[in-house]
Amino acid sequence: MKAETQKRLVVVPPPTGQTSGGISSGMFAGNDAGASAVFAMTSAGYTVIVLANVGDAAQPVANRILKLIGA
């Protein structure tokens, strides 16, 4: 995805009275030695961000949170 397209979808709010045509849900995760992160947006409007200073630790925590909120 082009950076400009991503900016329009995520950063720029919709005009007053209009809904966003942007990203409504998705999950992005990453792991490295000594660190892990998850960024998830649900179609119900929740945003879950989990950061850990342990590799492979963020995903199970994010999954549990998403399950608890019914996503």
Protein backbone atom coordinates (compact mmCIF):
# COMPACT_ATOMS: atom_id res chain seq x y z
CA MET A 1 0.00 0.00 0.00
CA LYS A 2 1.30 3.45 -0.87
CA ALA A 3 2.17 5.67 2.09
CA GLU A 4 -0.29 8.35 0.91
CA THR A 5 -3.14 5.82 0.73
CA GLN A 6 -2.34 4.52 4.21
CA LYS A 7 -2.27 8.08 5.54
CA ARG A 8 -5.75 8.78 4.10
CA LEU A 9 -7.13 5.54 5.56
CA VAL A 10 -5.66 5.77 9.04
CA VAL A 11 -4.41 9.27 9.88
CA VAL A 12 -6.81 11.69 8.20
CA PRO A 13 -10.22 11.79 9.93
CA PRO A 14 -13.35 11.73 7.76
CA PRO A 15 -15.20 15.00 7.08
CA THR A 16 -17.84 15.97 9.65
CA GLY A 17 -20.96 13.85 9.31
CA GLN A 18 -19.28 11.17 7.22
CA THR A 19 -17.97 7.78 8.20
CA SER A 20 -14.45 6.72 7.42
CA GLY A 21 -13.78 4.54 4.46
CA GLY A 22 -10.60 3.53 6.23
CA ILE A 23 -9.37 0.35 7.76
CA SER A 24 -12.09 -1.08 9.99
CA SER A 25 -10.30 -4.12 11.33
CA GLY A 26 -6.99 -5.86 11.11
CA MET A 27 -4.08 -7.19 13.10
CA PHE A 28 -0.41 -6.47 12.77
CA ALA A 29 2.13 -8.39 14.85
CA GLY A 30 5.87 -8.62 15.09
CA ASN A 31 8.46 -10.54 17.06
CA ASP A 32 12.18 -10.20 17.50
CA ALA A 33 14.69 -11.47 20.01
CA GLY A 34 13.67 -9.84 23.27
CA ALA A 35 10.61 -7.95 22.00
CA SER A 36 7.15 -8.48 20.54
CA ALA A 37 4.20 -6.29 19.60
CA VAL A 38 0.61 -6.56 18.42
CA PHE A 39 -1.64 -3.81 17.07
CA ALA A 40 -5.21 -4.90 16.41
CA MET A 41 -8.34 -2.97 15.39
CA THR A 42 -11.73 -4.66 15.61
CA SER A 43 -14.81 -3.97 13.54
CA ALA A 44 -16.58 -3.09 16.84
CA GLY A 45 -14.26 -0.09 17.24
CA TYR A 46 -11.79 -1.46 19.78
CA THR A 47 -8.06 -0.97 19.39
CA VAL A 48 -5.75 -3.37 21.23
CA ILE A 49 -2.04 -2.66 21.50
CA VAL A 50 0.24 -5.05 23.38
CA LEU A 51 3.98 -4.45 23.73
CA ALA A 52 6.31 -6.88 25.48
CA ASN A 53 10.02 -6.96 26.16
CA VAL A 54 9.95 -10.73 25.68
CA GLY A 55 9.80 -12.41 22.27
CA ASP A 56 6.55 -14.21 21.39
CA ALA A 57 4.77 -12.84 24.49
CA ALA A 58 2.49 -10.16 22.98
CA GLN A 59 0.40 -12.38 20.68
CA PRO A 60 -1.10 -14.66 23.38
CA VAL A 61 -1.96 -11.62 25.53
CA ALA A 62 -3.58 -9.83 22.57
CA ASN A 63 -5.52 -12.97 21.65
CA ARG A 64 -6.87 -13.21 25.21
CA ILE A 65 -7.90 -9.54 25.25
CA LEU A 66 -9.61 -9.87 21.86
CA LYS A 67 -11.47 -12.94 23.10
CA LEU A 68 -12.60 -11.08 26.24
CA ILE A 69 -14.02 -8.18 24.21
CA GLY A 70 -15.71 -10.56 21.80
CA ALA A 71 -13.63 -9.74 18.76
